[in-house]
Amino acid sequence: MAHIIVVGNEKGGSGKSTTCMHVATALARMGHRVGALDLDLRQKSFGRYVENRRAFLAKAGLDLPGPDYRDLPEVDPATLAPGENPFDQRLTAAVAAMDPVMDFILIDCPGSHTRLSQIAHSLADTLITPLNDSFVDFDLLARIDPDTGKVRGPSIYAEMVWGARQLRAQAGLKPIDWIVLRNRLGAQQMHNKKKVGSALEELSRRIGFRVAPGFSERVIFRELFPRGLTLLDLKDTGVEQLNLSNVAARQELRDLIAALRLPGVQVAF
């Protein structure tokens, strides 16, 4: 059975698609078979990223490893059981088709609460939640007392993950390994960064997730998207010498893959 990695956060702009593409491509370049789905049926940023990659590689005459991206299959309404949600069947069919032939299935969720996102979270063996390093994003996980800075309790997204965990437990599946990824860590605002970090550590003990460093804010990520490339592809596309920022970004990706503790994965790039 494939190991399912879900990247979710009910807020846009947290770096989900960048995280998806880099994790998927890193695994593919290490020799793993990686399937990919994008559940944001309107914007499809992850899907567009893969499409850009296919177009660029075809034009450049390159053959580089990457995820096997597929759209959700359509379903015949006549095949639905009474009261069955068509989105449930579409996602189930997509995962079932990939499961026997993939080592990993990477699913990108929309930055909003949807039926597809709910179902995907209940399928997750590993859940990655990219989070911009601010209390604006932290509010999705928990409510903070403005005077003391203490965590009052879980918020909307954390409650949704809790529901997914309950569904998995009822089905006899292993618990979700939940990793909250601190993206866009800046060199400035050290005091605020420390406060966010302390709040995350407190919350992680209360509701059960691991905290890992993600990607810093770098121009390179915005430049890679139109060609569908990742940090790992630069030398294969003619970049002989990486600058210090790119080298640091590669190390961030290496640290992220190691922090995920995925089965059968030895970081080798």
C-alpha atoms as a PDB file:
ATOM      1  CA  MET A   1       0.000   0.000   0.000  1.00  0.00           C
ATOM      2  CA  ALA A   2       1.154   3.509  -0.774  1.00  0.00           C
ATOM      3  CA  HIS A   3       2.013   5.864   2.075  1.00  0.00           C
ATOM      4  CA  ILE A   4      -0.331   8.869   1.799  1.00  0.00           C
ATOM      5  CA  ILE A   5       1.073  12.339   2.479  1.00  0.00           C
ATOM      6  CA  VAL A   6      -1.510  15.114   2.780  1.00  0.00           C
ATOM      7  CA  VAL A   7      -0.497  18.785   2.733  1.00  0.00           C
ATOM      8  CA  GLY A   8      -3.253  20.825   4.334  1.00  0.00           C
ATOM      9  CA  ASN A   9      -4.016  24.184   5.882  1.00  0.00           C
ATOM     10  CA  GLU A  10      -7.311  26.076   5.635  1.00  0.00           C
ATOM     11  CA  LYS A  11      -5.560  29.289   4.598  1.00  0.00           C
ATOM     12  CA  GLY A  12      -4.054  30.337   1.305  1.00  0.00           C
ATOM     13  CA  GLY A  13      -0.516  31.592   0.859  1.00  0.00           C
ATOM     14  CA  SER A  14       1.164  29.317   3.375  1.00  0.00           C
ATOM     15  CA  GLY A  15       3.375  27.534   0.839  1.00  0.00           C
ATOM     16  CA  LYS A  16       1.376  24.328   0.362  1.00  0.00           C
ATOM     17  CA  SER A  17       2.001  23.949  -3.369  1.00  0.00           C
ATOM     18  CA  THR A  18       5.716  24.748  -3.057  1.00  0.00           C
ATOM     19  CA  THR A  19       5.984  22.201  -0.261  1.00  0.00           C
ATOM     20  CA  CYS A  20       4.052  19.591  -2.288  1.00  0.00           C
ATOM     21  CA  MET A  21       6.190  19.964  -5.386  1.00  0.00           C
ATOM     22  CA  HIS A  22       9.498  19.893  -3.555  1.00  0.00           C
ATOM     23  CA  VAL A  23       8.608  16.901  -1.375  1.00  0.00           C
ATOM     24  CA  ALA A  24       7.154  14.980  -4.344  1.00  0.00           C
ATOM     25  CA  THR A  25      10.121  15.725  -6.605  1.00  0.00           C
ATOM     26  CA  ALA A  26      12.661  14.942  -3.874  1.00  0.00           C
ATOM     27  CA  LEU A  27      11.068  11.530  -3.319  1.00  0.00           C
ATOM     28  CA  ALA A  28      10.921  10.868  -7.078  1.00  0.00           C
ATOM     29  CA  ARG A  29      14.578  11.816  -7.505  1.00  0.00           C
ATOM     30  CA  MET A  30      15.482   9.347  -4.753  1.00  0.00           C
ATOM     31  CA  GLY A  31      13.893   6.584  -6.797  1.00  0.00           C
ATOM     32  CA  HIS A  32      10.456   6.357  -5.201  1.00  0.00           C
ATOM     33  CA  ARG A  33       7.258   6.098  -7.233  1.00  0.00           C
ATOM     34  CA  VAL A  34       5.191   9.187  -6.367  1.00  0.00           C
ATOM     35  CA  GLY A  35       1.573   9.869  -7.300  1.00  0.00           C
ATOM     36  CA  ALA A  36       0.105  13.351  -6.943  1.00  0.00           C
ATOM     37  CA  LEU A  37      -3.399  14.819  -6.597  1.00  0.00           C
ATOM     38  CA  ASP A  38      -4.615  18.403  -6.264  1.00  0.00           C
ATOM     39  CA  LEU A  39      -7.943  18.808  -4.483  1.00  0.00           C
ATOM     40  CA  ASP A  40      -8.230  22.540  -5.165  1.00  0.00           C
ATOM     41  CA  LEU A  41     -10.447  21.966  -8.185  1.00  0.00           C
ATOM     42  CA  ARG A  42     -10.653  25.670  -9.008  1.00  0.00           C
ATOM     43  CA  GLN A  43      -7.114  27.055  -8.709  1.00  0.00           C
ATOM     44  CA  LYS A  44      -5.033  23.850  -8.927  1.00  0.00           C
ATOM     45  CA  SER A  45      -1.709  25.495  -8.048  1.00  0.00           C
ATOM     46  CA  PHE A  46       0.003  22.140  -7.511  1.00  0.00           C
ATOM     47  CA  GLY A  47      -1.495  20.781 -10.720  1.00  0.00           C
ATOM     48  CA  ARG A  48      -0.341  23.871 -12.602  1.00  0.00           C
ATOM     49  CA  TYR A  49       3.142  23.441 -11.132  1.00  0.00           C
ATOM     50  CA  VAL A  50       3.343  19.910 -12.566  1.00  0.00           C
ATOM     51  CA  GLU A  51       1.906  21.047 -15.914  1.00  0.00           C
ATOM     52  CA  ASN A  52       4.553  23.771 -16.101  1.00  0.00           C
ATOM     53  CA  ARG A  53       7.212  21.144 -15.413  1.00  0.00           C
ATOM     54  CA  ARG A  54       5.993  18.855 -18.183  1.00  0.00           C
ATOM     55  CA  ALA A  55       5.905  21.725 -20.682  1.00  0.00           C
ATOM     56  CA  PHE A  56       9.360  23.024 -19.768  1.00  0.00           C
ATOM     57  CA  LEU A  57      11.022  19.596 -19.829  1.00  0.00           C
ATOM     58  CA  ALA A  58       9.449  18.774 -23.200  1.00  0.00           C
ATOM     59  CA  LYS A  59      10.638  22.070 -24.670  1.00  0.00           C
ATOM     60  CA  ALA A  60      14.138  21.694 -23.209  1.00  0.00           C
ATOM     61  CA  GLY A  61      14.413  18.031 -24.205  1.00  0.00           C
ATOM     62  CA  LEU A  62      15.031  16.962 -20.609  1.00  0.00           C
ATOM     63  CA  ASP A  63      13.815  13.898 -18.754  1.00  0.00           C
ATOM     64  CA  LEU A  64      13.889  14.590 -15.021  1.00  0.00           C
ATOM     65  CA  PRO A  65      12.160  12.620 -12.256  1.00  0.00           C
ATOM     66  CA  GLY A  66       8.913  13.996 -10.900  1.00  0.00           C
ATOM     67  CA  PRO A  67       5.509  13.020  -9.544  1.00  0.00           C
ATOM     68  CA  ASP A  68       2.870  11.224 -11.613  1.00  0.00           C
ATOM     69  CA  TYR A  69       0.113  13.830 -11.384  1.00  0.00           C
ATOM     70  CA  ARG A  70      -3.482  12.845 -12.164  1.00  0.00           C
ATOM     71  CA  ASP A  71      -6.784  14.681 -12.141  1.00  0.00           C
ATOM     72  CA  LEU A  72      -9.646  13.286 -10.108  1.00  0.00           C
ATOM     73  CA  PRO A  73     -11.722  10.946 -12.290  1.00  0.00           C
ATOM     74  CA  GLU A  74     -15.288  11.845 -13.114  1.00  0.00           C
ATOM     75  CA  VAL A  75     -18.007   9.527 -11.813  1.00  0.00           C
ATOM     76  CA  ASP A  76     -21.285   8.402 -13.301  1.00  0.00           C
ATOM     77  CA  PRO A  77     -24.084   9.683 -11.020  1.00  0.00           C
ATOM     78  CA  ALA A  78     -25.938   6.435 -11.673  1.00  0.00           C
ATOM     79  CA  THR A  79     -23.198   4.514  -9.836  1.00  0.00           C
ATOM     80  CA  LEU A  80     -23.652   6.490  -6.600  1.00  0.00           C
ATOM     81  CA  ALA A  81     -25.422   4.890  -3.681  1.00  0.00           C
ATOM     82  CA  PRO A  82     -28.354   6.828  -2.177  1.00  0.00           C
ATOM     83  CA  GLY A  83     -26.931   9.773  -0.247  1.00  0.00           C
ATOM     84  CA  GLU A  84     -23.344   9.112  -1.399  1.00  0.00           C
ATOM     85  CA  ASN A  85     -21.258  12.214  -2.067  1.00  0.00           C
ATOM     86  CA  PRO A  86     -19.714  12.180  -5.583  1.00  0.00           C
ATOM     87  CA  PHE A  87     -16.521  13.802  -4.272  1.00  0.00           C
ATOM     88  CA  ASP A  88     -16.004  10.842  -1.924  1.00  0.00           C
ATOM     89  CA  GLN A  89     -16.122   8.421  -4.840  1.00  0.00           C
ATOM     90  CA  ARG A  90     -13.855  10.569  -7.044  1.00  0.00           C
ATOM     91  CA  LEU A  91     -11.128  10.751  -4.408  1.00  0.00           C
ATOM     92  CA  THR A  92     -11.517   7.101  -3.434  1.00  0.00           C
ATOM     93  CA  ALA A  93     -11.208   6.032  -7.082  1.00  0.00           C
ATOM     94  CA  ALA A  94      -8.113   8.187  -7.633  1.00  0.00           C
ATOM     95  CA  VAL A  95      -6.351   6.794  -4.564  1.00  0.00           C
ATOM     96  CA  ALA A  96      -7.380   3.214  -5.393  1.00  0.00           C
ATOM     97  CA  ALA A  97      -5.878   3.523  -8.880  1.00  0.00           C
ATOM     98  CA  MET A  98      -2.550   4.780  -7.523  1.00  0.00           C
ATOM     99  CA  ASP A  99      -2.300   2.624  -4.410  1.00  0.00           C
ATOM    100  CA  PRO A 100      -0.952  -0.584  -6.026  1.00  0.00           C
ATOM    101  CA  VAL A 101       1.639   1.167  -8.210  1.00  0.00           C
ATOM    102  CA  MET A 102       2.971   4.010  -6.025  1.00  0.00           C
ATOM    103  CA  ASP A 103       5.220   4.155  -2.976  1.00  0.00           C
ATOM    104  CA  PHE A 104       3.802   7.532  -1.969  1.00  0.00           C
ATOM    105  CA  ILE A 105       0.676   9.499  -2.858  1.00  0.00           C
ATOM    106  CA  LEU A 106       0.974  13.221  -2.224  1.00  0.00           C
ATOM    107  CA  ILE A 107      -2.303  15.156  -1.912  1.00  0.00           C
ATOM    108  CA  ASP A 108      -2.511  18.964  -1.933  1.00  0.00           C
ATOM    109  CA  CYS A 109      -5.610  20.348  -0.199  1.00  0.00           C
ATOM    110  CA  PRO A 110      -7.276  23.717  -0.899  1.00  0.00           C
ATOM    111  CA  GLY A 111      -6.863  26.661   1.440  1.00  0.00           C
ATOM    112  CA  SER A 112     -10.441  26.316   2.624  1.00  0.00           C
ATOM    113  CA  HIS A 113     -12.733  23.803   4.298  1.00  0.00           C
ATOM    114  CA  THR A 114     -14.155  21.407   1.695  1.00  0.00           C
ATOM    115  CA  ARG A 115     -15.594  17.899   1.629  1.00  0.00           C
ATOM    116  CA  LEU A 116     -12.602  16.662  -0.379  1.00  0.00           C
ATOM    117  CA  SER A 117     -10.185  18.127   2.154  1.00  0.00           C
ATOM    118  CA  GLN A 118     -12.010  16.457   5.034  1.00  0.00           C
ATOM    119  CA  ILE A 119     -11.847  13.045   3.363  1.00  0.00           C
ATOM    120  CA  ALA A 120      -8.192  13.500   2.397  1.00  0.00           C
ATOM    121  CA  HIS A 121      -7.204  14.262   5.990  1.00  0.00           C
ATOM    122  CA  SER A 122      -8.796  11.022   7.149  1.00  0.00           C
ATOM    123  CA  LEU A 123      -6.649   9.156   4.580  1.00  0.00           C
ATOM    124  CA  ALA A 124      -3.377  10.758   5.684  1.00  0.00           C
ATOM    125  CA  ASP A 125      -0.563   8.623   7.048  1.00  0.00           C
ATOM    126  CA  THR A 126       1.541  11.793   7.203  1.00  0.00           C
ATOM    127  CA  LEU A 127      -0.028  15.260   7.433  1.00  0.00           C
ATOM    128  CA  ILE A 128       2.071  18.332   6.650  1.00  0.00           C
ATOM    129  CA  THR A 129       0.628  21.696   7.665  1.00  0.00           C
ATOM    130  CA  PRO A 130       2.707  24.589   6.308  1.00  0.00           C
ATOM    131  CA  LEU A 131       2.283  27.673   8.478  1.00  0.00           C
ATOM    132  CA  ASN A 132       3.551  31.175   7.932  1.00  0.00           C
ATOM    133  CA  ASP A 133       5.446  32.188  11.017  1.00  0.00           C
ATOM    134  CA  SER A 134       2.857  34.577  12.430  1.00  0.00           C
ATOM    135  CA  PHE A 135      -0.056  34.604  14.851  1.00  0.00           C
ATOM    136  CA  VAL A 136      -2.395  35.294  11.927  1.00  0.00           C
ATOM    137  CA  ASP A 137      -1.740  31.758  10.633  1.00  0.00           C
ATOM    138  CA  PHE A 138      -1.398  30.309  14.130  1.00  0.00           C
ATOM    139  CA  ASP A 139      -5.027  31.280  14.760  1.00  0.00           C
ATOM    140  CA  LEU A 140      -6.107  28.381  12.526  1.00  0.00           C
ATOM    141  CA  LEU A 141      -4.567  25.984  15.020  1.00  0.00           C
ATOM    142  CA  ALA A 142      -5.426  27.591  18.344  1.00  0.00           C
ATOM    143  CA  ARG A 143      -6.813  30.617  20.110  1.00  0.00           C
ATOM    144  CA  ILE A 144      -4.354  32.737  22.042  1.00  0.00           C
ATOM    145  CA  ASP A 145      -4.989  34.855  25.124  1.00  0.00           C
ATOM    146  CA  PRO A 146      -3.908  38.346  23.983  1.00  0.00           C
ATOM    147  CA  ASP A 147      -2.764  39.346  27.459  1.00  0.00           C
ATOM    148  CA  THR A 148      -0.807  36.275  28.556  1.00  0.00           C
ATOM    149  CA  GLY A 149       0.042  34.738  25.181  1.00  0.00           C
ATOM    150  CA  LYS A 150      -1.117  31.379  26.497  1.00  0.00           C
ATOM    151  CA  VAL A 151      -3.021  28.909  24.335  1.00  0.00           C
ATOM    152  CA  ARG A 152      -6.736  28.909  25.170  1.00  0.00           C
ATOM    153  CA  GLY A 153      -7.650  25.899  23.077  1.00  0.00           C
ATOM    154  CA  PRO A 154      -7.691  24.379  19.588  1.00  0.00           C
ATOM    155  CA  SER A 155      -9.211  26.305  16.682  1.00  0.00           C
ATOM    156  CA  ILE A 156     -11.060  25.299  13.516  1.00  0.00           C
ATOM    157  CA  TYR A 157      -8.353  23.473  11.593  1.00  0.00           C
ATOM    158  CA  ALA A 158      -7.038  21.590  14.617  1.00  0.00           C
ATOM    159  CA  GLU A 159     -10.587  20.460  15.356  1.00  0.00           C
ATOM    160  CA  MET A 160     -10.941  19.184  11.784  1.00  0.00           C
ATOM    161  CA  VAL A 161      -7.714  17.186  12.135  1.00  0.00           C
ATOM    162  CA  TRP A 162      -9.020  15.785  15.425  1.00  0.00           C
ATOM    163  CA  GLY A 163     -12.135  14.601  13.586  1.00  0.00           C
ATOM    164  CA  ALA A 164      -9.979  12.913  10.940  1.00  0.00           C
ATOM    165  CA  ARG A 165      -7.997  11.180  13.669  1.00  0.00           C
ATOM    166  CA  GLN A 166     -11.189   9.864  15.214  1.00  0.00           C
ATOM    167  CA  LEU A 167     -12.339   8.453  11.854  1.00  0.00           C
ATOM    168  CA  ARG A 168      -9.017   6.652  11.415  1.00  0.00           C
ATOM    169  CA  ALA A 169      -9.185   5.231  14.928  1.00  0.00           C
ATOM    170  CA  GLN A 170     -12.706   3.921  14.301  1.00  0.00           C
ATOM    171  CA  ALA A 171     -11.473   2.249  11.109  1.00  0.00           C
ATOM    172  CA  GLY A 172      -8.559   0.634  12.941  1.00  0.00           C
ATOM    173  CA  LEU A 173      -5.923   2.599  11.012  1.00  0.00           C
ATOM    174  CA  LYS A 174      -2.650   3.851  12.447  1.00  0.00           C
ATOM    175  CA  PRO A 175      -2.567   7.419  13.829  1.00  0.00           C
ATOM    176  CA  ILE A 176      -1.741  10.383  11.620  1.00  0.00           C
ATOM    177  CA  ASP A 177       1.833  11.629  11.955  1.00  0.00           C
ATOM    178  CA  TRP A 178       1.150  15.387  11.935  1.00  0.00           C
ATOM    179  CA  ILE A 179       3.971  17.832  11.205  1.00  0.00           C
ATOM    180  CA  VAL A 180       3.467  21.609  11.419  1.00  0.00           C
ATOM    181  CA  LEU A 181       5.951  23.315   9.126  1.00  0.00           C
ATOM    182  CA  ARG A 182       7.152  26.806  10.022  1.00  0.00           C
ATOM    183  CA  ASN A 183       7.478  28.458   6.610  1.00  0.00           C
ATOM    184  CA  ARG A 184       8.827  31.872   5.682  1.00  0.00           C
ATOM    185  CA  LEU A 185      10.979  32.242   8.739  1.00  0.00           C
ATOM    186  CA  GLY A 186      12.581  35.668   8.421  1.00  0.00           C
ATOM    187  CA  ALA A 187      15.748  37.038   9.935  1.00  0.00           C
ATOM    188  CA  GLN A 188      13.861  39.929  11.473  1.00  0.00           C
ATOM    189  CA  GLN A 189      11.171  40.117  14.161  1.00  0.00           C
ATOM    190  CA  MET A 190      13.084  37.799  16.460  1.00  0.00           C
ATOM    191  CA  HIS A 191      10.811  38.536  19.432  1.00  0.00           C
ATOM    192  CA  ASN A 192       7.647  37.621  17.513  1.00  0.00           C
ATOM    193  CA  LYS A 193       9.319  34.499  16.087  1.00  0.00           C
ATOM    194  CA  LYS A 194      10.222  33.362  19.590  1.00  0.00           C
ATOM    195  CA  LYS A 195       6.651  33.905  20.813  1.00  0.00           C
ATOM    196  CA  VAL A 196       5.182  31.931  17.890  1.00  0.00           C
ATOM    197  CA  GLY A 197       7.686  29.154  18.492  1.00  0.00           C
ATOM    198  CA  SER A 198       6.832  28.935  22.186  1.00  0.00           C
ATOM    199  CA  ALA A 199       3.096  28.853  21.439  1.00  0.00           C
ATOM    200  CA  LEU A 200       3.594  26.092  18.846  1.00  0.00           C
ATOM    201  CA  GLU A 201       5.626  23.968  21.242  1.00  0.00           C
ATOM    202  CA  GLU A 202       2.959  24.337  23.935  1.00  0.00           C
ATOM    203  CA  LEU A 203       0.178  23.459  21.499  1.00  0.00           C
ATOM    204  CA  SER A 204       2.106  20.516  20.026  1.00  0.00           C
ATOM    205  CA  ARG A 205       2.143  18.827  23.415  1.00  0.00           C
ATOM    206  CA  ARG A 206      -1.582  19.418  23.890  1.00  0.00           C
ATOM    207  CA  ILE A 207      -2.936  18.223  20.545  1.00  0.00           C
ATOM    208  CA  GLY A 208      -0.162  16.000  19.235  1.00  0.00           C
ATOM    209  CA  PHE A 209       1.874  17.295  16.328  1.00  0.00           C
ATOM    210  CA  ARG A 210       5.575  17.707  15.600  1.00  0.00           C
ATOM    211  CA  VAL A 211       7.110  21.061  14.681  1.00  0.00           C
ATOM    212  CA  ALA A 212       9.651  21.267  11.859  1.00  0.00           C
ATOM    213  CA  PRO A 213      11.409  24.189  10.137  1.00  0.00           C
ATOM    214  CA  GLY A 214      10.217  24.784   6.590  1.00  0.00           C
ATOM    215  CA  PHE A 215      11.308  27.168   3.850  1.00  0.00           C
ATOM    216  CA  SER A 216      12.538  30.695   4.366  1.00  0.00           C
ATOM    217  CA  GLU A 217      11.190  33.497   2.200  1.00  0.00           C
ATOM    218  CA  ARG A 218      13.317  33.345  -0.963  1.00  0.00           C
ATOM    219  CA  VAL A 219      12.946  34.804  -4.456  1.00  0.00           C
ATOM    220  CA  ILE A 220      13.996  31.487  -6.004  1.00  0.00           C
ATOM    221  CA  PHE A 221      10.668  29.818  -5.170  1.00  0.00           C
ATOM    222  CA  ARG A 222       8.707  32.413  -7.172  1.00  0.00           C
ATOM    223  CA  GLU A 223      11.112  32.012 -10.080  1.00  0.00           C
ATOM    224  CA  LEU A 224      10.870  28.221 -10.215  1.00  0.00           C
ATOM    225  CA  PHE A 225       7.084  27.900 -10.536  1.00  0.00           C
ATOM    226  CA  PRO A 226       6.649  29.082 -14.190  1.00  0.00           C
ATOM    227  CA  ARG A 227       9.060  26.355 -15.368  1.00  0.00           C
ATOM    228  CA  GLY A 228       7.810  23.759 -12.916  1.00  0.00           C
ATOM    229  CA  LEU A 229      11.265  23.288 -11.459  1.00  0.00           C
ATOM    230  CA  THR A 230      12.477  22.660  -7.918  1.00  0.00           C
ATOM    231  CA  LEU A 231      15.708  23.434  -6.125  1.00  0.00           C
ATOM    232  CA  LEU A 232      16.920  19.925  -6.958  1.00  0.00           C
ATOM    233  CA  ASP A 233      16.623  20.479 -10.718  1.00  0.00           C
ATOM    234  CA  LEU A 234      18.842  23.550 -11.083  1.00  0.00           C
ATOM    235  CA  LYS A 235      22.097  21.814 -11.979  1.00  0.00           C
ATOM    236  CA  ASP A 236      20.290  19.611 -14.507  1.00  0.00           C
ATOM    237  CA  THR A 237      19.020  22.722 -16.278  1.00  0.00           C
ATOM    238  CA  GLY A 238      22.434  24.364 -16.706  1.00  0.00           C
ATOM    239  CA  VAL A 239      22.979  26.175 -13.412  1.00  0.00           C
ATOM    240  CA  GLU A 240      26.612  25.306 -12.726  1.00  0.00           C
ATOM    241  CA  GLN A 241      27.122  27.222  -9.499  1.00  0.00           C
ATOM    242  CA  LEU A 242      24.407  27.655  -6.855  1.00  0.00           C
ATOM    243  CA  ASN A 243      24.472  30.899  -4.903  1.00  0.00           C
ATOM    244  CA  LEU A 244      24.491  30.852  -1.105  1.00  0.00           C
ATOM    245  CA  SER A 245      20.731  31.404  -0.891  1.00  0.00           C
ATOM    246  CA  ASN A 246      20.042  28.417  -3.149  1.00  0.00           C
ATOM    247  CA  VAL A 247      22.467  26.209  -1.231  1.00  0.00           C
ATOM    248  CA  ALA A 248      20.731  27.190   2.025  1.00  0.00           C
ATOM    249  CA  ALA A 249      17.330  26.451   0.484  1.00  0.00           C
ATOM    250  CA  ARG A 250      18.501  22.961  -0.593  1.00  0.00           C
ATOM    251  CA  GLN A 251      19.604  22.319   2.966  1.00  0.00           C
ATOM    252  CA  GLU A 252      16.164  23.398   4.217  1.00  0.00           C
ATOM    253  CA  LEU A 253      14.600  20.849   1.874  1.00  0.00           C
ATOM    254  CA  ARG A 254      17.021  18.153   3.029  1.00  0.00           C
ATOM    255  CA  ASP A 255      16.169  18.918   6.658  1.00  0.00           C
ATOM    256  CA  LEU A 256      12.439  18.804   5.867  1.00  0.00           C
ATOM    257  CA  ILE A 257      12.610  15.388   4.178  1.00  0.00           C
ATOM    258  CA  ALA A 258      14.585  14.049   7.141  1.00  0.00           C
ATOM    259  CA  ALA A 259      12.069  15.527   9.618  1.00  0.00           C
ATOM    260  CA  LEU A 260       9.154  13.775   7.882  1.00  0.00           C
ATOM    261  CA  ARG A 261      10.560  10.348   8.844  1.00  0.00           C
ATOM    262  CA  LEU A 262       8.887   8.666   5.887  1.00  0.00           C
ATOM    263  CA  PRO A 263       9.077   4.865   5.658  1.00  0.00           C
ATOM    264  CA  GLY A 264      11.928   3.571   3.505  1.00  0.00           C
ATOM    265  CA  VAL A 265      13.333   7.048   2.794  1.00  0.00           C
ATOM    266  CA  GLN A 266      17.037   7.765   3.204  1.00  0.00           C
ATOM    267  CA  VAL A 267      17.810  11.378   2.339  1.00  0.00           C
ATOM    268  CA  ALA A 268      20.229  11.309  -0.583  1.00  0.00           C
ATOM    269  CA  PHE A 269      20.565  14.624  -2.374  1.00  0.00           C
END
